[in-house]
């Protein structure tokens, strides 16, 4: 890992970008991905994807994935031309939303960030 930057933190939501090797980036999100954090979430996703070869969005600390969060993730995927992956669908509520909406049809889903790193080497 080369560098880490916190891109947003506010009651119930936090985003931190970590630059990995070979032009890849991990965006670690925490808290609730809902309407309260919409602008900060869109900014964090945009900042992480600009210039990156591949991005993994780590959702392991996300406790709620609302429609705003899903929309932001799908928007980042579309703008990123498929370079955006997901990891850490560990919280039951987040996993349930991801399963119901079949997010794996759009994203490559990894169990964790390490799994993503191994896949892009």
N, C-alpha and C. Protein backbone atom coordinates (compact mmCIF):
# COMPACT_ATOMS: atom_id res chain seq x y z
N UNK A 1 0.84 -1.18 0.00
CA UNK A 1 0.00 0.00 0.00
C UNK A 1 0.88 1.24 0.00
N UNK A 2 0.43 2.24 -0.74
CA UNK A 2 1.24 3.44 -0.85
C UNK A 2 0.73 4.59 -0.01
N UNK A 3 -0.55 4.90 -0.11
CA UNK A 3 -1.05 6.06 0.63
C UNK A 3 -2.52 5.89 0.95
N UNK A 4 -2.95 6.61 1.97
CA UNK A 4 -4.36 6.57 2.36
C UNK A 4 -4.86 7.99 2.55
N UNK A 5 -6.10 8.23 2.12
CA UNK A 5 -6.71 9.54 2.25
C UNK A 5 -8.15 9.37 2.71
N UNK A 6 -8.52 10.07 3.77
CA UNK A 6 -9.91 10.07 4.18
C UNK A 6 -10.62 11.11 3.35
N UNK A 7 -11.68 10.69 2.65
CA UNK A 7 -12.36 11.60 1.73
C UNK A 7 -13.67 12.12 2.28
N UNK A 8 -14.13 11.61 3.36
CA UNK A 8 -15.38 12.13 3.91
C UNK A 8 -15.73 11.43 5.20
N UNK A 9 -16.17 12.17 6.18
CA UNK A 9 -16.59 11.57 7.43
C UNK A 9 -17.70 12.44 8.00
N UNK A 10 -18.80 11.82 8.34
CA UNK A 10 -19.93 12.54 8.87
C UNK A 10 -20.84 11.51 9.53
N UNK A 11 -21.47 11.88 10.60
CA UNK A 11 -22.38 11.04 11.37
C UNK A 11 -22.86 9.80 10.64
N UNK A 12 -22.25 8.68 10.89
CA UNK A 12 -22.70 7.43 10.31
C UNK A 12 -22.09 7.06 8.98
N UNK A 13 -21.21 7.88 8.40
CA UNK A 13 -20.60 7.56 7.12
C UNK A 13 -19.14 8.00 7.11
N UNK A 14 -18.30 7.14 6.59
CA UNK A 14 -16.88 7.46 6.46
C UNK A 14 -16.36 6.79 5.18
N UNK A 15 -15.47 7.48 4.49
CA UNK A 15 -14.84 6.93 3.30
C UNK A 15 -13.35 7.20 3.36
N UNK A 16 -12.56 6.18 3.06
CA UNK A 16 -11.11 6.33 3.02
C UNK A 16 -10.57 5.64 1.78
N UNK A 17 -9.72 6.32 1.04
CA UNK A 17 -9.12 5.77 -0.17
C UNK A 17 -7.71 5.32 0.13
N UNK A 18 -7.37 4.11 -0.31
CA UNK A 18 -6.04 3.56 -0.13
C UNK A 18 -5.50 3.20 -1.49
N UNK A 19 -4.36 3.78 -1.87
CA UNK A 19 -3.72 3.43 -3.13
C UNK A 19 -2.96 2.12 -2.95
N UNK A 20 -3.25 1.17 -3.81
CA UNK A 20 -2.58 -0.13 -3.79
C UNK A 20 -1.55 -0.17 -4.90
N UNK A 21 -0.96 -1.30 -5.13
CA UNK A 21 0.03 -1.45 -6.19
C UNK A 21 -0.60 -1.47 -7.58
N UNK A 22 0.19 -1.13 -8.58
CA UNK A 22 -0.16 -1.25 -10.00
C UNK A 22 -1.38 -0.42 -10.40
N UNK A 23 -1.55 0.76 -9.84
CA UNK A 23 -2.63 1.65 -10.24
C UNK A 23 -4.01 1.25 -9.76
N UNK A 24 -4.05 0.41 -8.73
CA UNK A 24 -5.33 -0.01 -8.17
C UNK A 24 -5.61 0.75 -6.88
N UNK A 25 -6.90 0.91 -6.58
CA UNK A 25 -7.32 1.70 -5.43
C UNK A 25 -8.37 0.93 -4.66
N UNK A 26 -8.29 1.00 -3.33
CA UNK A 26 -9.34 0.46 -2.47
C UNK A 26 -10.06 1.64 -1.83
N UNK A 27 -11.37 1.65 -1.94
CA UNK A 27 -12.19 2.66 -1.29
C UNK A 27 -12.94 1.96 -0.16
N UNK A 28 -12.56 2.27 1.06
CA UNK A 28 -13.18 1.64 2.22
C UNK A 28 -14.29 2.54 2.73
N UNK A 29 -15.51 2.01 2.69
CA UNK A 29 -16.67 2.74 3.15
C UNK A 29 -17.14 2.15 4.48
N UNK A 30 -17.70 3.01 5.33
CA UNK A 30 -18.22 2.55 6.62
C UNK A 30 -19.49 3.31 6.95
N UNK A 31 -20.40 2.63 7.62
CA UNK A 31 -21.63 3.27 8.07
C UNK A 31 -22.79 3.01 7.15
N UNK A 32 -23.65 4.00 7.04
CA UNK A 32 -24.89 3.90 6.27
C UNK A 32 -24.75 4.59 4.91
N UNK A 33 -25.05 3.86 3.85
CA UNK A 33 -25.03 4.45 2.51
C UNK A 33 -26.48 4.76 2.15
N UNK A 34 -26.88 5.97 2.50
CA UNK A 34 -28.26 6.39 2.30
C UNK A 34 -28.29 7.85 1.86
N UNK A 35 -29.46 8.45 1.83
CA UNK A 35 -29.61 9.82 1.36
C UNK A 35 -28.82 10.84 2.16
N UNK A 36 -28.55 10.56 3.41
CA UNK A 36 -27.80 11.49 4.27
C UNK A 36 -26.37 11.71 3.76
N UNK A 37 -25.81 10.71 3.12
CA UNK A 37 -24.40 10.81 2.70
C UNK A 37 -24.24 10.90 1.19
N UNK A 38 -25.31 11.13 0.47
CA UNK A 38 -25.30 11.04 -1.00
C UNK A 38 -24.16 11.83 -1.64
N UNK A 39 -24.04 13.10 -1.32
CA UNK A 39 -23.01 13.93 -1.95
C UNK A 39 -21.61 13.44 -1.61
N UNK A 40 -21.37 13.11 -0.35
CA UNK A 40 -20.05 12.63 0.07
C UNK A 40 -19.72 11.28 -0.57
N UNK A 41 -20.72 10.42 -0.69
CA UNK A 41 -20.52 9.11 -1.32
C UNK A 41 -20.17 9.27 -2.79
N UNK A 42 -20.91 10.09 -3.52
CA UNK A 42 -20.62 10.32 -4.94
C UNK A 42 -19.22 10.91 -5.11
N UNK A 43 -18.85 11.85 -4.25
CA UNK A 43 -17.51 12.45 -4.32
C UNK A 43 -16.43 11.40 -4.08
N UNK A 44 -16.61 10.57 -3.05
CA UNK A 44 -15.61 9.55 -2.72
C UNK A 44 -15.45 8.55 -3.87
N UNK A 45 -16.55 8.12 -4.46
CA UNK A 45 -16.49 7.18 -5.58
C UNK A 45 -15.82 7.82 -6.79
N UNK A 46 -16.16 9.05 -7.09
CA UNK A 46 -15.54 9.75 -8.23
C UNK A 46 -14.03 9.90 -8.00
N UNK A 47 -13.65 10.36 -6.83
CA UNK A 47 -12.23 10.58 -6.53
C UNK A 47 -11.44 9.28 -6.62
N UNK A 48 -12.03 8.18 -6.18
CA UNK A 48 -11.32 6.90 -6.20
C UNK A 48 -11.15 6.35 -7.61
N UNK A 49 -12.10 6.63 -8.49
CA UNK A 49 -12.05 6.02 -9.82
C UNK A 49 -11.25 6.82 -10.84
N UNK A 50 -11.06 8.11 -10.61
CA UNK A 50 -10.33 8.94 -11.58
C UNK A 50 -8.88 8.47 -11.67
N UNK A 51 -8.50 8.03 -12.86
CA UNK A 51 -7.12 7.63 -13.12
C UNK A 51 -6.72 6.26 -12.61
N UNK A 52 -7.61 5.56 -11.94
CA UNK A 52 -7.27 4.24 -11.41
C UNK A 52 -7.46 3.17 -12.49
N UNK A 53 -6.58 2.20 -12.47
CA UNK A 53 -6.70 1.06 -13.40
C UNK A 53 -7.86 0.17 -12.97
N UNK A 54 -8.02 0.00 -11.65
CA UNK A 54 -9.12 -0.79 -11.10
C UNK A 54 -9.37 -0.30 -9.67
N UNK A 55 -10.64 -0.39 -9.25
CA UNK A 55 -11.04 0.08 -7.92
C UNK A 55 -11.86 -1.01 -7.26
N UNK A 56 -11.57 -1.26 -5.99
CA UNK A 56 -12.42 -2.14 -5.19
C UNK A 56 -13.08 -1.29 -4.12
N UNK A 57 -14.40 -1.40 -4.00
CA UNK A 57 -15.14 -0.71 -2.96
C UNK A 57 -15.36 -1.72 -1.84
N UNK A 58 -14.71 -1.47 -0.71
CA UNK A 58 -14.80 -2.36 0.45
C UNK A 58 -16.02 -1.97 1.27
N UNK A 59 -17.01 -2.85 1.31
CA UNK A 59 -18.26 -2.59 2.02
C UNK A 59 -18.33 -3.34 3.36
N UNK A 60 -17.21 -3.88 3.83
CA UNK A 60 -17.23 -4.72 5.03
C UNK A 60 -17.67 -3.98 6.29
N UNK A 61 -17.58 -2.66 6.30
CA UNK A 61 -18.02 -1.89 7.47
C UNK A 61 -19.29 -1.08 7.19
N UNK A 62 -19.95 -1.38 6.09
CA UNK A 62 -21.22 -0.73 5.76
C UNK A 62 -22.35 -1.50 6.44
N UNK A 63 -23.22 -0.76 7.11
CA UNK A 63 -24.31 -1.39 7.86
C UNK A 63 -25.67 -1.25 7.18
N UNK A 64 -25.77 -0.37 6.20
CA UNK A 64 -27.04 -0.15 5.49
C UNK A 64 -26.72 0.28 4.07
N UNK A 65 -27.33 -0.40 3.11
CA UNK A 65 -27.15 -0.07 1.70
C UNK A 65 -28.51 0.30 1.13
N UNK A 66 -28.77 1.61 1.10
CA UNK A 66 -30.04 2.12 0.60
C UNK A 66 -29.99 2.35 -0.90
N UNK A 67 -31.09 2.83 -1.45
CA UNK A 67 -31.18 3.05 -2.90
C UNK A 67 -30.16 4.07 -3.39
N UNK A 68 -29.86 5.07 -2.57
CA UNK A 68 -28.85 6.06 -2.95
C UNK A 68 -27.48 5.39 -3.06
N UNK A 69 -27.17 4.52 -2.13
CA UNK A 69 -25.90 3.80 -2.17
C UNK A 69 -25.79 2.90 -3.38
N UNK A 70 -26.85 2.16 -3.66
CA UNK A 70 -26.86 1.28 -4.83
C UNK A 70 -26.70 2.11 -6.10
N UNK A 71 -27.44 3.20 -6.21
CA UNK A 71 -27.35 4.07 -7.38
C UNK A 71 -25.94 4.62 -7.56
N UNK A 72 -25.33 5.05 -6.47
CA UNK A 72 -23.97 5.60 -6.55
C UNK A 72 -22.98 4.53 -6.99
N UNK A 73 -23.11 3.32 -6.47
CA UNK A 73 -22.21 2.23 -6.86
C UNK A 73 -22.37 1.88 -8.33
N UNK A 74 -23.62 1.77 -8.78
CA UNK A 74 -23.86 1.46 -10.19
C UNK A 74 -23.38 2.58 -11.11
N UNK A 75 -23.55 3.82 -10.67
CA UNK A 75 -23.04 4.94 -11.45
C UNK A 75 -21.53 4.90 -11.58
N UNK A 76 -20.84 4.58 -10.48
CA UNK A 76 -19.37 4.47 -10.52
C UNK A 76 -18.94 3.33 -11.44
N UNK A 77 -19.68 2.23 -11.39
CA UNK A 77 -19.38 1.09 -12.25
C UNK A 77 -19.51 1.50 -13.73
N UNK A 78 -20.60 2.17 -14.05
CA UNK A 78 -20.84 2.60 -15.44
C UNK A 78 -19.78 3.58 -15.90
N UNK A 79 -19.51 4.61 -15.07
CA UNK A 79 -18.50 5.61 -15.44
C UNK A 79 -17.11 4.98 -15.53
N UNK A 80 -16.87 3.97 -14.70
CA UNK A 80 -15.56 3.33 -14.66
C UNK A 80 -15.38 2.25 -15.71
N UNK A 81 -16.36 2.03 -16.53
CA UNK A 81 -16.23 1.04 -17.60
C UNK A 81 -15.98 -0.37 -17.08
N UNK A 82 -16.57 -0.70 -15.96
CA UNK A 82 -16.41 -2.05 -15.41
C UNK A 82 -15.17 -2.25 -14.55
N UNK A 83 -14.43 -1.18 -14.31
CA UNK A 83 -13.21 -1.29 -13.50
C UNK A 83 -13.48 -1.29 -12.01
N UNK A 84 -14.75 -1.14 -11.60
CA UNK A 84 -15.10 -1.06 -10.19
C UNK A 84 -15.59 -2.43 -9.71
N UNK A 85 -14.96 -2.91 -8.64
CA UNK A 85 -15.29 -4.20 -8.04
C UNK A 85 -15.85 -3.94 -6.64
N UNK A 86 -16.52 -4.94 -6.09
CA UNK A 86 -17.01 -4.87 -4.71
C UNK A 86 -16.32 -5.94 -3.87
N UNK A 87 -16.18 -5.64 -2.58
CA UNK A 87 -15.62 -6.62 -1.64
C UNK A 87 -16.29 -6.43 -0.28
N UNK A 88 -16.25 -7.49 0.51
CA UNK A 88 -16.68 -7.39 1.90
C UNK A 88 -18.18 -7.26 2.10
N UNK A 89 -18.97 -8.01 1.37
CA UNK A 89 -20.42 -7.98 1.58
C UNK A 89 -20.74 -8.85 2.80
N UNK A 90 -20.32 -8.39 3.97
CA UNK A 90 -20.40 -9.22 5.17
C UNK A 90 -21.60 -8.91 6.06
N UNK A 91 -22.05 -7.68 6.09
CA UNK A 91 -23.19 -7.34 6.94
C UNK A 91 -24.45 -7.97 6.33
N UNK A 92 -25.26 -8.68 7.13
CA UNK A 92 -26.44 -9.36 6.57
C UNK A 92 -27.37 -8.45 5.77
N UNK A 93 -27.61 -7.23 6.23
CA UNK A 93 -28.52 -6.33 5.51
C UNK A 93 -27.93 -5.91 4.17
N UNK A 94 -26.64 -5.68 4.12
CA UNK A 94 -25.97 -5.29 2.88
C UNK A 94 -25.95 -6.47 1.91
N UNK A 95 -25.62 -7.64 2.42
CA UNK A 95 -25.59 -8.85 1.60
C UNK A 95 -26.98 -9.13 1.02
N UNK A 96 -28.03 -8.92 1.82
CA UNK A 96 -29.39 -9.16 1.36
C UNK A 96 -29.75 -8.23 0.20
N UNK A 97 -29.44 -6.94 0.33
CA UNK A 97 -29.72 -5.98 -0.75
C UNK A 97 -28.94 -6.37 -2.00
N UNK A 98 -27.66 -6.68 -1.83
CA UNK A 98 -26.82 -7.05 -2.98
C UNK A 98 -27.37 -8.29 -3.68
N UNK A 99 -27.85 -9.24 -2.90
CA UNK A 99 -28.41 -10.47 -3.48
C UNK A 99 -29.72 -10.18 -4.19
N UNK A 100 -30.62 -9.44 -3.53
CA UNK A 100 -31.92 -9.13 -4.14
C UNK A 100 -31.78 -8.37 -5.45
N UNK A 101 -30.82 -7.46 -5.50
CA UNK A 101 -30.62 -6.65 -6.70
C UNK A 101 -29.64 -7.26 -7.70
N UNK A 102 -29.12 -8.44 -7.36
CA UNK A 102 -28.19 -9.17 -8.22
C UNK A 102 -27.00 -8.31 -8.65
N UNK A 103 -26.38 -7.65 -7.67
CA UNK A 103 -25.25 -6.78 -7.99
C UNK A 103 -24.10 -7.54 -8.62
N UNK A 104 -24.00 -8.85 -8.35
CA UNK A 104 -22.92 -9.63 -8.94
C UNK A 104 -23.06 -9.74 -10.46
N UNK A 105 -24.21 -9.39 -11.00
CA UNK A 105 -24.38 -9.35 -12.46
C UNK A 105 -23.60 -8.19 -13.07
N UNK A 106 -23.35 -7.15 -12.29
CA UNK A 106 -22.63 -5.98 -12.76
C UNK A 106 -21.19 -5.96 -12.27
N UNK A 107 -21.00 -6.23 -11.01
CA UNK A 107 -19.69 -6.13 -10.37
C UNK A 107 -19.05 -7.50 -10.22
N UNK A 108 -17.73 -7.51 -10.26
CA UNK A 108 -17.01 -8.67 -9.76
C UNK A 108 -16.97 -8.49 -8.25
N UNK A 109 -17.43 -9.51 -7.52
CA UNK A 109 -17.52 -9.43 -6.06
C UNK A 109 -16.44 -10.33 -5.46
N UNK A 110 -15.65 -9.76 -4.56
CA UNK A 110 -14.58 -10.47 -3.88
C UNK A 110 -14.93 -10.60 -2.40
N UNK A 111 -14.47 -11.65 -1.75
CA UNK A 111 -14.77 -11.80 -0.33
C UNK A 111 -14.16 -10.68 0.51
N UNK A 112 -13.01 -10.17 0.07
CA UNK A 112 -12.32 -9.11 0.80
C UNK A 112 -11.35 -8.40 -0.14
N UNK A 113 -10.72 -7.34 0.37
CA UNK A 113 -9.79 -6.56 -0.47
C UNK A 113 -8.61 -7.41 -0.92
N UNK A 114 -8.15 -8.29 -0.06
CA UNK A 114 -7.02 -9.15 -0.41
C UNK A 114 -7.36 -10.04 -1.62
N UNK A 115 -8.60 -10.52 -1.67
CA UNK A 115 -9.04 -11.32 -2.81
C UNK A 115 -9.01 -10.51 -4.10
N UNK A 116 -9.39 -9.24 -3.99
CA UNK A 116 -9.32 -8.34 -5.15
C UNK A 116 -7.87 -8.16 -5.59
N UNK A 117 -6.98 -7.87 -4.65
CA UNK A 117 -5.58 -7.66 -4.97
C UNK A 117 -5.00 -8.88 -5.67
N UNK A 118 -5.31 -10.07 -5.16
CA UNK A 118 -4.81 -11.30 -5.79
C UNK A 118 -5.33 -11.45 -7.21
N UNK A 119 -6.56 -10.99 -7.47
CA UNK A 119 -7.16 -11.16 -8.80
C UNK A 119 -6.60 -10.19 -9.84
N UNK A 120 -6.03 -9.07 -9.43
CA UNK A 120 -5.52 -8.09 -10.39
C UNK A 120 -4.00 -8.16 -10.56
N UNK A 121 -3.36 -9.07 -9.89
CA UNK A 121 -1.90 -9.21 -10.03
C UNK A 121 -1.54 -9.87 -11.31
